[in-house]
Amino acid sequence: MRLRLERAFLNNEASLAKLVSARRAVGASKEAFRYTRLRYQAGLSNEVDLSMTQEQLVNALVRRLFATVDVNVTYARMLRELLPMPKNPNDPVLTQLTLHFP
């Protein structure tokens, strides 16, 4: 039980770190796309450059989406370890944590 809970917690922490990184990548990609678009409008860049930075932005957004989903999944797994579900689906789910110390 304790090992599973620790693993769930550490997995959630790692997922949160990946999400922070993915959010930063989206910010950098947005800025790169904005800069390339301005250069394109000024005639200093071509459509290929614009398309490549747009693709990088889309990829960063997709990675952020996957990181967000992963955070939610690891959080749910951690909650599952903290709040065990009843065997009978008709029984109420206990939402109060009870800690047992040996």
PDB file of N, CA and C in Angstrom:
ATOM      1  N   MET A   1       0.834  -1.191   0.000  1.00  0.00           N
ATOM      2  CA  MET A   1       0.000   0.000   0.000  1.00  0.00           C
ATOM      3  C   MET A   1       0.873   1.248   0.000  1.00  0.00           C
ATOM      4  N   ARG A   2       1.823   1.313   0.919  1.00  0.00           N
ATOM      5  CA  ARG A   2       2.650   2.506   1.022  1.00  0.00           C
ATOM      6  C   ARG A   2       3.496   2.693  -0.239  1.00  0.00           C
ATOM      7  N   LEU A   3       4.051   1.614  -0.753  1.00  0.00           N
ATOM      8  CA  LEU A   3       4.873   1.700  -1.954  1.00  0.00           C
ATOM      9  C   LEU A   3       4.049   2.188  -3.143  1.00  0.00           C
ATOM     10  N   ARG A   4       2.825   1.695  -3.276  1.00  0.00           N
ATOM     11  CA  ARG A   4       1.961   2.142  -4.370  1.00  0.00           C
ATOM     12  C   ARG A   4       1.614   3.617  -4.225  1.00  0.00           C
ATOM     13  N   LEU A   5       1.362   4.054  -3.001  1.00  0.00           N
ATOM     14  CA  LEU A   5       1.044   5.454  -2.756  1.00  0.00           C
ATOM     15  C   LEU A   5       2.251   6.343  -3.062  1.00  0.00           C
ATOM     16  N   GLU A   6       3.431   5.933  -2.613  1.00  0.00           N
ATOM     17  CA  GLU A   6       4.638   6.704  -2.906  1.00  0.00           C
ATOM     18  C   GLU A   6       4.888   6.769  -4.408  1.00  0.00           C
ATOM     19  N   ARG A   7       4.706   5.665  -5.089  1.00  0.00           N
ATOM     20  CA  ARG A   7       4.892   5.643  -6.538  1.00  0.00           C
ATOM     21  C   ARG A   7       3.889   6.568  -7.226  1.00  0.00           C
ATOM     22  N   ALA A   8       2.640   6.534  -6.780  1.00  0.00           N
ATOM     23  CA  ALA A   8       1.606   7.399  -7.359  1.00  0.00           C
ATOM     24  C   ALA A   8       1.951   8.865  -7.117  1.00  0.00           C
ATOM     25  N   PHE A   9       2.429   9.186  -5.934  1.00  0.00           N
ATOM     26  CA  PHE A   9       2.804  10.560  -5.615  1.00  0.00           C
ATOM     27  C   PHE A   9       3.967  11.025  -6.487  1.00  0.00           C
ATOM     28  N   LEU A  10       5.001  10.193  -6.594  1.00  0.00           N
ATOM     29  CA  LEU A  10       6.168  10.567  -7.394  1.00  0.00           C
ATOM     30  C   LEU A  10       5.820  10.671  -8.876  1.00  0.00           C
ATOM     31  N   ASN A  11       4.957   9.795  -9.352  1.00  0.00           N
ATOM     32  CA  ASN A  11       4.517   9.885 -10.748  1.00  0.00           C
ATOM     33  C   ASN A  11       3.751  11.187 -10.984  1.00  0.00           C
ATOM     34  N   ASN A  12       2.936  11.589 -10.014  1.00  0.00           N
ATOM     35  CA  ASN A  12       2.202  12.841 -10.142  1.00  0.00           C
ATOM     36  C   ASN A  12       3.165  14.028 -10.127  1.00  0.00           C
ATOM     37  N   GLU A  13       4.158  13.986  -9.267  1.00  0.00           N
ATOM     38  CA  GLU A  13       5.154  15.055  -9.228  1.00  0.00           C
ATOM     39  C   GLU A  13       5.891  15.157 -10.565  1.00  0.00           C
ATOM     40  N   ALA A  14       6.267  14.032 -11.136  1.00  0.00           N
ATOM     41  CA  ALA A  14       6.957  14.035 -12.433  1.00  0.00           C
ATOM     42  C   ALA A  14       6.039  14.581 -13.523  1.00  0.00           C
ATOM     43  N   SER A  15       4.780  14.210 -13.473  1.00  0.00           N
ATOM     44  CA  SER A  15       3.815  14.704 -14.463  1.00  0.00           C
ATOM     45  C   SER A  15       3.641  16.213 -14.350  1.00  0.00           C
ATOM     46  N   LEU A  16       3.612  16.713 -13.132  1.00  0.00           N
ATOM     47  CA  LEU A  16       3.491  18.164 -12.936  1.00  0.00           C
ATOM     48  C   LEU A  16       4.711  18.892 -13.497  1.00  0.00           C
ATOM     49  N   ALA A  17       5.893  18.311 -13.307  1.00  0.00           N
ATOM     50  CA  ALA A  17       7.105  18.926 -13.848  1.00  0.00           C
ATOM     51  C   ALA A  17       7.066  18.947 -15.375  1.00  0.00           C
ATOM     52  N   LYS A  18       6.575  17.863 -15.975  1.00  0.00           N
ATOM     53  CA  LYS A  18       6.449  17.820 -17.435  1.00  0.00           C
ATOM     54  C   LYS A  18       5.447  18.860 -17.922  1.00  0.00           C
ATOM     55  N   LEU A  19       4.387  19.063 -17.164  1.00  0.00           N
ATOM     56  CA  LEU A  19       3.389  20.057 -17.550  1.00  0.00           C
ATOM     57  C   LEU A  19       3.977  21.462 -17.503  1.00  0.00           C
ATOM     58  N   VAL A  20       4.747  21.763 -16.483  1.00  0.00           N
ATOM     59  CA  VAL A  20       5.395  23.075 -16.386  1.00  0.00           C
ATOM     60  C   VAL A  20       6.302  23.285 -17.590  1.00  0.00           C
ATOM     61  N   SER A  21       7.069  22.260 -17.931  1.00  0.00           N
ATOM     62  CA  SER A  21       7.961  22.349 -19.088  1.00  0.00           C
ATOM     63  C   SER A  21       7.177  22.539 -20.379  1.00  0.00           C
ATOM     64  N   ALA A  22       6.082  21.811 -20.516  1.00  0.00           N
ATOM     65  CA  ALA A  22       5.255  21.921 -21.724  1.00  0.00           C
ATOM     66  C   ALA A  22       4.629  23.304 -21.829  1.00  0.00           C
ATOM     67  N   ARG A  23       4.220  23.870 -20.706  1.00  0.00           N
ATOM     68  CA  ARG A  23       3.653  25.225 -20.723  1.00  0.00           C
ATOM     69  C   ARG A  23       4.695  26.251 -21.153  1.00  0.00           C
ATOM     70  N   ARG A  24       5.910  26.092 -20.676  1.00  0.00           N
ATOM     71  CA  ARG A  24       6.981  27.002 -21.087  1.00  0.00           C
ATOM     72  C   ARG A  24       7.268  26.866 -22.579  1.00  0.00           C
ATOM     73  N   ALA A  25       7.235  25.636 -23.072  1.00  0.00           N
ATOM     74  CA  ALA A  25       7.472  25.409 -24.503  1.00  0.00           C
ATOM     75  C   ALA A  25       6.387  26.068 -25.345  1.00  0.00           C
ATOM     76  N   VAL A  26       5.154  26.039 -24.871  1.00  0.00           N
ATOM     77  CA  VAL A  26       4.070  26.701 -25.604  1.00  0.00           C
ATOM     78  C   VAL A  26       4.315  28.209 -25.638  1.00  0.00           C
ATOM     79  N   GLY A  27       4.712  28.779 -24.527  1.00  0.00           N
ATOM     80  CA  GLY A  27       5.008  30.206 -24.491  1.00  0.00           C
ATOM     81  C   GLY A  27       6.123  30.583 -25.452  1.00  0.00           C
ATOM     82  N   ALA A  28       7.187  29.785 -25.464  1.00  0.00           N
ATOM     83  CA  ALA A  28       8.299  30.053 -26.380  1.00  0.00           C
ATOM     84  C   ALA A  28       7.867  29.887 -27.830  1.00  0.00           C
ATOM     85  N   SER A  29       7.055  28.881 -28.105  1.00  0.00           N
ATOM     86  CA  SER A  29       6.581  28.649 -29.474  1.00  0.00           C
ATOM     87  C   SER A  29       5.651  29.767 -29.936  1.00  0.00           C
ATOM     88  N   LYS A  30       4.815  30.259 -29.041  1.00  0.00           N
ATOM     89  CA  LYS A  30       3.943  31.387 -29.391  1.00  0.00           C
ATOM     90  C   LYS A  30       4.772  32.613 -29.748  1.00  0.00           C
ATOM     91  N   GLU A  31       5.788  32.865 -28.949  1.00  0.00           N
ATOM     92  CA  GLU A  31       6.645  34.020 -29.204  1.00  0.00           C
ATOM     93  C   GLU A  31       7.403  33.847 -30.520  1.00  0.00           C
ATOM     94  N   ALA A  32       7.895  32.653 -30.793  1.00  0.00           N
ATOM     95  CA  ALA A  32       8.607  32.405 -32.050  1.00  0.00           C
ATOM     96  C   ALA A  32       7.666  32.579 -33.242  1.00  0.00           C
ATOM     97  N   PHE A  33       6.440  32.097 -33.097  1.00  0.00           N
ATOM     98  CA  PHE A  33       5.473  32.252 -34.192  1.00  0.00           C
ATOM     99  C   PHE A  33       5.124  33.721 -34.397  1.00  0.00           C
ATOM    100  N   ARG A  34       4.938  34.466 -33.329  1.00  0.00           N
ATOM    101  CA  ARG A  34       4.624  35.885 -33.428  1.00  0.00           C
ATOM    102  C   ARG A  34       5.762  36.629 -34.134  1.00  0.00           C
ATOM    103  N   TYR A  35       6.975  36.326 -33.729  1.00  0.00           N
ATOM    104  CA  TYR A  35       8.142  36.973 -34.322  1.00  0.00           C
ATOM    105  C   TYR A  35       8.252  36.625 -35.812  1.00  0.00           C
ATOM    106  N   THR A  36       8.074  35.370 -36.168  1.00  0.00           N
ATOM    107  CA  THR A  36       8.162  34.955 -37.569  1.00  0.00           C
ATOM    108  C   THR A  36       7.037  35.582 -38.391  1.00  0.00           C
ATOM    109  N   ARG A  37       5.855  35.666 -37.806  1.00  0.00           N
ATOM    110  CA  ARG A  37       4.737  36.292 -38.517  1.00  0.00           C
ATOM    111  C   ARG A  37       5.018  37.769 -38.791  1.00  0.00           C
ATOM    112  N   LEU A  38       5.583  38.460 -37.824  1.00  0.00           N
ATOM    113  CA  LEU A  38       5.952  39.866 -38.027  1.00  0.00           C
ATOM    114  C   LEU A  38       7.020  40.002 -39.121  1.00  0.00           C
ATOM    115  N   ARG A  39       7.993  39.099 -39.096  1.00  0.00           N
ATOM    116  CA  ARG A  39       9.024  39.112 -40.139  1.00  0.00           C
ATOM    117  C   ARG A  39       8.409  38.815 -41.509  1.00  0.00           C
ATOM    118  N   TYR A  40       7.450  37.902 -41.534  1.00  0.00           N
ATOM    119  CA  TYR A  40       6.784  37.575 -42.810  1.00  0.00           C
ATOM    120  C   TYR A  40       5.997  38.780 -43.325  1.00  0.00           C
ATOM    121  N   GLN A  41       5.295  39.452 -42.442  1.00  0.00           N
ATOM    122  CA  GLN A  41       4.519  40.629 -42.840  1.00  0.00           C
ATOM    123  C   GLN A  41       5.413  41.761 -43.339  1.00  0.00           C
ATOM    124  N   ALA A  42       6.639  41.805 -42.803  1.00  0.00           N
ATOM    125  CA  ALA A  42       7.584  42.834 -43.231  1.00  0.00           C
ATOM    126  C   ALA A  42       8.364  42.410 -44.475  1.00  0.00           C
ATOM    127  N   GLY A  43       8.141  41.184 -44.944  1.00  0.00           N
ATOM    128  CA  GLY A  43       8.841  40.701 -46.128  1.00  0.00           C
ATOM    129  C   GLY A  43      10.220  40.156 -45.844  1.00  0.00           C
ATOM    130  N   LEU A  44      10.534  39.900 -44.583  1.00  0.00           N
ATOM    131  CA  LEU A  44      11.856  39.400 -44.204  1.00  0.00           C
ATOM    132  C   LEU A  44      11.890  37.891 -43.996  1.00  0.00           C
ATOM    133  N   SER A  45      10.769  37.248 -44.163  1.00  0.00           N
ATOM    134  CA  SER A  45      10.668  35.805 -43.966  1.00  0.00           C
ATOM    135  C   SER A  45       9.750  35.246 -45.038  1.00  0.00           C
ATOM    136  N   ASN A  46       9.818  33.946 -45.247  1.00  0.00           N
ATOM    137  CA  ASN A  46       8.972  33.346 -46.285  1.00  0.00           C
ATOM    138  C   ASN A  46       7.904  32.446 -45.655  1.00  0.00           C
ATOM    139  N   GLU A  47       7.054  31.897 -46.499  1.00  0.00           N
ATOM    140  CA  GLU A  47       5.947  31.059 -46.036  1.00  0.00           C
ATOM    141  C   GLU A  47       6.422  29.766 -45.390  1.00  0.00           C
ATOM    142  N   VAL A  48       7.567  29.273 -45.831  1.00  0.00           N
ATOM    143  CA  VAL A  48       8.103  28.034 -45.253  1.00  0.00           C
ATOM    144  C   VAL A  48       8.468  28.262 -43.789  1.00  0.00           C
ATOM    145  N   ASP A  49       9.152  29.371 -43.514  1.00  0.00           N
ATOM    146  CA  ASP A  49       9.499  29.688 -42.123  1.00  0.00           C
ATOM    147  C   ASP A  49       8.244  29.841 -41.269  1.00  0.00           C
ATOM    148  N   LEU A  50       7.268  30.528 -41.815  1.00  0.00           N
ATOM    149  CA  LEU A  50       6.010  30.735 -41.092  1.00  0.00           C
ATOM    150  C   LEU A  50       5.319  29.409 -40.821  1.00  0.00           C
ATOM    151  N   SER A  51       5.299  28.550 -41.822  1.00  0.00           N
ATOM    152  CA  SER A  51       4.660  27.242 -41.675  1.00  0.00           C
ATOM    153  C   SER A  51       5.390  26.377 -40.653  1.00  0.00           C
ATOM    154  N   MET A  52       6.718  26.434 -40.663  1.00  0.00           N
ATOM    155  CA  MET A  52       7.494  25.621 -39.715  1.00  0.00           C
ATOM    156  C   MET A  52       7.272  26.074 -38.272  1.00  0.00           C
ATOM    157  N   THR A  53       7.249  27.384 -38.045  1.00  0.00           N
ATOM    158  CA  THR A  53       7.021  27.846 -36.671  1.00  0.00           C
ATOM    159  C   THR A  53       5.584  27.580 -36.233  1.00  0.00           C
ATOM    160  N   GLN A  54       4.659  27.617 -37.177  1.00  0.00           N
ATOM    161  CA  GLN A  54       3.280  27.279 -36.839  1.00  0.00           C
ATOM    162  C   GLN A  54       3.173  25.807 -36.467  1.00  0.00           C
ATOM    163  N   GLU A  55       3.873  24.952 -37.187  1.00  0.00           N
ATOM    164  CA  GLU A  55       3.871  23.523 -36.864  1.00  0.00           C
ATOM    165  C   GLU A  55       4.497  23.272 -35.501  1.00  0.00           C
ATOM    166  N   GLN A  56       5.568  23.994 -35.196  1.00  0.00           N
ATOM    167  CA  GLN A  56       6.187  23.855 -33.878  1.00  0.00           C
ATOM    168  C   GLN A  56       5.240  24.289 -32.764  1.00  0.00           C
ATOM    169  N   LEU A  57       4.478  25.338 -33.019  1.00  0.00           N
ATOM    170  CA  LEU A  57       3.498  25.793 -32.036  1.00  0.00           C
ATOM    171  C   LEU A  57       2.411  24.747 -31.829  1.00  0.00           C
ATOM    172  N   VAL A  58       1.917  24.184 -32.903  1.00  0.00           N
ATOM    173  CA  VAL A  58       0.878  23.150 -32.795  1.00  0.00           C
ATOM    174  C   VAL A  58       1.423  21.943 -32.032  1.00  0.00           C
ATOM    175  N   ASN A  59       2.644  21.538 -32.341  1.00  0.00           N
ATOM    176  CA  ASN A  59       3.243  20.404 -31.633  1.00  0.00           C
ATOM    177  C   ASN A  59       3.409  20.699 -30.145  1.00  0.00           C
ATOM    178  N   ALA A  60       3.797  21.922 -29.806  1.00  0.00           N
ATOM    179  CA  ALA A  60       3.928  22.298 -28.395  1.00  0.00           C
ATOM    180  C   ALA A  60       2.570  22.265 -27.694  1.00  0.00           C
ATOM    181  N   LEU A  61       1.537  22.716 -28.392  1.00  0.00           N
ATOM    182  CA  LEU A  61       0.187  22.674 -27.810  1.00  0.00           C
ATOM    183  C   LEU A  61      -0.273  21.238 -27.590  1.00  0.00           C
ATOM    184  N   VAL A  62       0.046  20.354 -28.525  1.00  0.00           N
ATOM    185  CA  VAL A  62      -0.332  18.940 -28.381  1.00  0.00           C
ATOM    186  C   VAL A  62       0.423  18.320 -27.206  1.00  0.00           C
ATOM    187  N   ARG A  63       1.728  18.632 -27.083  1.00  0.00           N
ATOM    188  CA  ARG A  63       2.496  18.094 -25.950  1.00  0.00           C
ATOM    189  C   ARG A  63       1.941  18.610 -24.621  1.00  0.00           C
ATOM    190  N   ARG A  64       1.495  19.874 -24.601  1.00  0.00           N
ATOM    191  CA  ARG A  64       0.885  20.408 -23.374  1.00  0.00           C
ATOM    192  C   ARG A  64      -0.423  19.684 -23.059  1.00  0.00           C
ATOM    193  N   LEU A  65      -1.183  19.390 -24.091  1.00  0.00           N
ATOM    194  CA  LEU A  65      -2.432  18.649 -23.892  1.00  0.00           C
ATOM    195  C   LEU A  65      -2.160  17.269 -23.300  1.00  0.00           C
ATOM    196  N   PHE A  66      -1.192  16.553 -23.880  1.00  0.00           N
ATOM    197  CA  PHE A  66      -0.855  15.234 -23.349  1.00  0.00           C
ATOM    198  C   PHE A  66      -0.317  15.322 -21.922  1.00  0.00           C
ATOM    199  N   ALA A  67       0.460  16.351 -21.635  1.00  0.00           N
ATOM    200  CA  ALA A  67       0.986  16.527 -20.276  1.00  0.00           C
ATOM    201  C   ALA A  67      -0.150  16.799 -19.291  1.00  0.00           C
ATOM    202  N   THR A  68      -1.147  17.576 -19.717  1.00  0.00           N
ATOM    203  CA  THR A  68      -2.301  17.861 -18.860  1.00  0.00           C
ATOM    204  C   THR A  68      -3.086  16.589 -18.571  1.00  0.00           C
ATOM    205  N   VAL A  69      -3.295  15.789 -19.589  1.00  0.00           N
ATOM    206  CA  VAL A  69      -4.008  14.513 -19.405  1.00  0.00           C
ATOM    207  C   VAL A  69      -3.218  13.617 -18.468  1.00  0.00           C
ATOM    208  N   ASP A  70      -1.899  13.568 -18.639  1.00  0.00           N
ATOM    209  CA  ASP A  70      -1.065  12.724 -17.787  1.00  0.00           C
ATOM    210  C   ASP A  70      -1.129  13.173 -16.329  1.00  0.00           C
ATOM    211  N   VAL A  71      -1.162  14.491 -16.093  1.00  0.00           N
ATOM    212  CA  VAL A  71      -1.291  14.994 -14.720  1.00  0.00           C
ATOM    213  C   VAL A  71      -2.618  14.530 -14.124  1.00  0.00           C
ATOM    214  N   ASN A  72      -3.679  14.618 -14.898  1.00  0.00           N
ATOM    215  CA  ASN A  72      -4.989  14.206 -14.389  1.00  0.00           C
ATOM    216  C   ASN A  72      -5.032  12.708 -14.095  1.00  0.00           C
ATOM    217  N   VAL A  73      -4.410  11.922 -14.952  1.00  0.00           N
ATOM    218  CA  VAL A  73      -4.396  10.465 -14.740  1.00  0.00           C
ATOM    219  C   VAL A  73      -3.584  10.111 -13.501  1.00  0.00           C
ATOM    220  N   THR A  74      -2.402  10.711 -13.364  1.00  0.00           N
ATOM    221  CA  THR A  74      -1.577  10.385 -12.198  1.00  0.00           C
ATOM    222  C   THR A  74      -2.214  10.897 -10.908  1.00  0.00           C
ATOM    223  N   TYR A  75      -2.915  12.014 -10.990  1.00  0.00           N
ATOM    224  CA  TYR A  75      -3.627  12.515  -9.808  1.00  0.00           C
ATOM    225  C   TYR A  75      -4.755  11.561  -9.422  1.00  0.00           C
ATOM    226  N   ALA A  76      -5.478  11.060 -10.410  1.00  0.00           N
ATOM    227  CA  ALA A  76      -6.554  10.103 -10.131  1.00  0.00           C
ATOM    228  C   ALA A  76      -5.991   8.824  -9.522  1.00  0.00           C
ATOM    229  N   ARG A  77      -4.838   8.378 -10.013  1.00  0.00           N
ATOM    230  CA  ARG A  77      -4.222   7.170  -9.436  1.00  0.00           C
ATOM    231  C   ARG A  77      -3.796   7.406  -7.995  1.00  0.00           C
ATOM    232  N   MET A  78      -3.302   8.593  -7.726  1.00  0.00           N
ATOM    233  CA  MET A  78      -2.914   8.911  -6.353  1.00  0.00           C
ATOM    234  C   MET A  78      -4.144   8.946  -5.451  1.00  0.00           C
ATOM    235  N   LEU A  79      -5.226   9.545  -5.935  1.00  0.00           N
ATOM    236  CA  LEU A  79      -6.460   9.561  -5.146  1.00  0.00           C
ATOM    237  C   LEU A  79      -7.004   8.152  -4.929  1.00  0.00           C
ATOM    238  N   ARG A  80      -6.851   7.318  -5.926  1.00  0.00           N
ATOM    239  CA  ARG A  80      -7.322   5.933  -5.790  1.00  0.00           C
ATOM    240  C   ARG A  80      -6.588   5.221  -4.663  1.00  0.00           C
ATOM    241  N   GLU A  81      -5.310   5.532  -4.507  1.00  0.00           N
ATOM    242  CA  GLU A  81      -4.543   4.924  -3.412  1.00  0.00           C
ATOM    243  C   GLU A  81      -4.928   5.530  -2.066  1.00  0.00           C
ATOM    244  N   LEU A  82      -5.277   6.806  -2.067  1.00  0.00           N
ATOM    245  CA  LEU A  82      -5.657   7.456  -0.810  1.00  0.00           C
ATOM    246  C   LEU A  82      -7.085   7.132  -0.397  1.00  0.00           C
ATOM    247  N   LEU A  83      -7.977   7.059  -1.371  1.00  0.00           N
ATOM    248  CA  LEU A  83      -9.391   6.808  -1.102  1.00  0.00           C
ATOM    249  C   LEU A  83      -9.819   5.517  -1.795  1.00  0.00           C
ATOM    250  N   PRO A  84      -9.592   4.383  -1.152  1.00  0.00           N
ATOM    251  CA  PRO A  84      -9.981   3.122  -1.800  1.00  0.00           C
ATOM    252  C   PRO A  84     -11.483   3.085  -2.073  1.00  0.00           C
ATOM    253  N   MET A  85     -11.816   2.573  -3.230  1.00  0.00           N
ATOM    254  CA  MET A  85     -13.217   2.470  -3.643  1.00  0.00           C
ATOM    255  C   MET A  85     -13.844   1.233  -3.010  1.00  0.00           C
ATOM    256  N   PRO A  86     -15.136   1.300  -2.662  1.00  0.00           N
ATOM    257  CA  PRO A  86     -15.806   0.125  -2.085  1.00  0.00           C
ATOM    258  C   PRO A  86     -15.951  -0.977  -3.142  1.00  0.00           C
ATOM    259  N   LYS A  87     -15.991  -2.196  -2.689  1.00  0.00           N
ATOM    260  CA  LYS A  87     -16.125  -3.326  -3.613  1.00  0.00           C
ATOM    261  C   LYS A  87     -17.514  -3.352  -4.248  1.00  0.00           C
ATOM    262  N   ASN A  88     -18.518  -2.972  -3.463  1.00  0.00           N
ATOM    263  CA  ASN A  88     -19.886  -2.925  -3.978  1.00  0.00           C
ATOM    264  C   ASN A  88     -20.130  -1.544  -4.594  1.00  0.00           C
ATOM    265  N   PRO A  89     -20.469  -1.473  -5.889  1.00  0.00           N
ATOM    266  CA  PRO A  89     -20.662  -0.158  -6.516  1.00  0.00           C
ATOM    267  C   PRO A  89     -21.811   0.648  -5.924  1.00  0.00           C
ATOM    268  N   ASN A  90     -22.716   0.005  -5.204  1.00  0.00           N
ATOM    269  CA  ASN A  90     -23.840   0.723  -4.604  1.00  0.00           C
ATOM    270  C   ASN A  90     -23.491   1.365  -3.267  1.00  0.00           C
ATOM    271  N   ASP A  91     -22.362   0.959  -2.681  1.00  0.00           N
ATOM    272  CA  ASP A  91     -21.937   1.541  -1.404  1.00  0.00           C
ATOM    273  C   ASP A  91     -21.408   2.957  -1.638  1.00  0.00           C
ATOM    274  N   PRO A  92     -21.583   3.851  -0.655  1.00  0.00           N
ATOM    275  CA  PRO A  92     -21.068   5.214  -0.820  1.00  0.00           C
ATOM    276  C   PRO A  92     -19.537   5.227  -0.764  1.00  0.00           C
ATOM    277  N   VAL A  93     -18.960   6.181  -1.449  1.00  0.00           N
ATOM    278  CA  VAL A  93     -17.514   6.358  -1.431  1.00  0.00           C
ATOM    279  C   VAL A  93     -17.168   7.222  -0.237  1.00  0.00           C
ATOM    280  N   LEU A  94     -16.278   6.719   0.605  1.00  0.00           N
ATOM    281  CA  LEU A  94     -15.855   7.478   1.779  1.00  0.00           C
ATOM    282  C   LEU A  94     -14.867   8.550   1.337  1.00  0.00           C
ATOM    283  N   THR A  95     -15.188   9.795   1.612  1.00  0.00           N
ATOM    284  CA  THR A  95     -14.331  10.892   1.175  1.00  0.00           C
ATOM    285  C   THR A  95     -13.430  11.418   2.282  1.00  0.00           C
ATOM    286  N   GLN A  96     -13.541  10.847   3.457  1.00  0.00           N
ATOM    287  CA  GLN A  96     -12.706  11.292   4.562  1.00  0.00           C
ATOM    288  C   GLN A  96     -11.535  10.325   4.683  1.00  0.00           C
ATOM    289  N   LEU A  97     -10.346  10.881   4.743  1.00  0.00           N
ATOM    290  CA  LEU A  97      -9.158  10.058   4.873  1.00  0.00           C
ATOM    291  C   LEU A  97      -8.961   9.631   6.322  1.00  0.00           C
ATOM    292  N   THR A  98      -8.591   8.378   6.500  1.00  0.00           N
ATOM    293  CA  THR A  98      -8.271   7.853   7.803  1.00  0.00           C
ATOM    294  C   THR A  98      -6.859   7.289   7.735  1.00  0.00           C
ATOM    295  N   LEU A  99      -5.964   7.841   8.512  1.00  0.00           N
ATOM    296  CA  LEU A  99      -4.576   7.367   8.511  1.00  0.00           C
ATOM    297  C   LEU A  99      -4.382   6.401   9.635  1.00  0.00           C
ATOM    298  N   HIS A 100      -3.767   5.278   9.312  1.00  0.00           N
ATOM    299  CA  HIS A 100      -3.475   4.249  10.305  1.00  0.00           C
ATOM    300  C   HIS A 100      -1.959   4.178  10.498  1.00  0.00           C
ATOM    301  N   PHE A 101      -1.520   4.385  11.701  1.00  0.00           N
ATOM    302  CA  PHE A 101      -0.106   4.315  11.990  1.00  0.00           C
ATOM    303  C   PHE A 101       0.182   3.030  12.732  1.00  0.00           C
ATOM    304  N   PRO A 102       1.181   2.286  12.278  1.00  0.00           N
ATOM    305  CA  PRO A 102       1.528   1.033  12.970  1.00  0.00           C
ATOM    306  C   PRO A 102       2.187   1.256  14.299  1.00  0.00           C
TER     307      PRO A 102
END
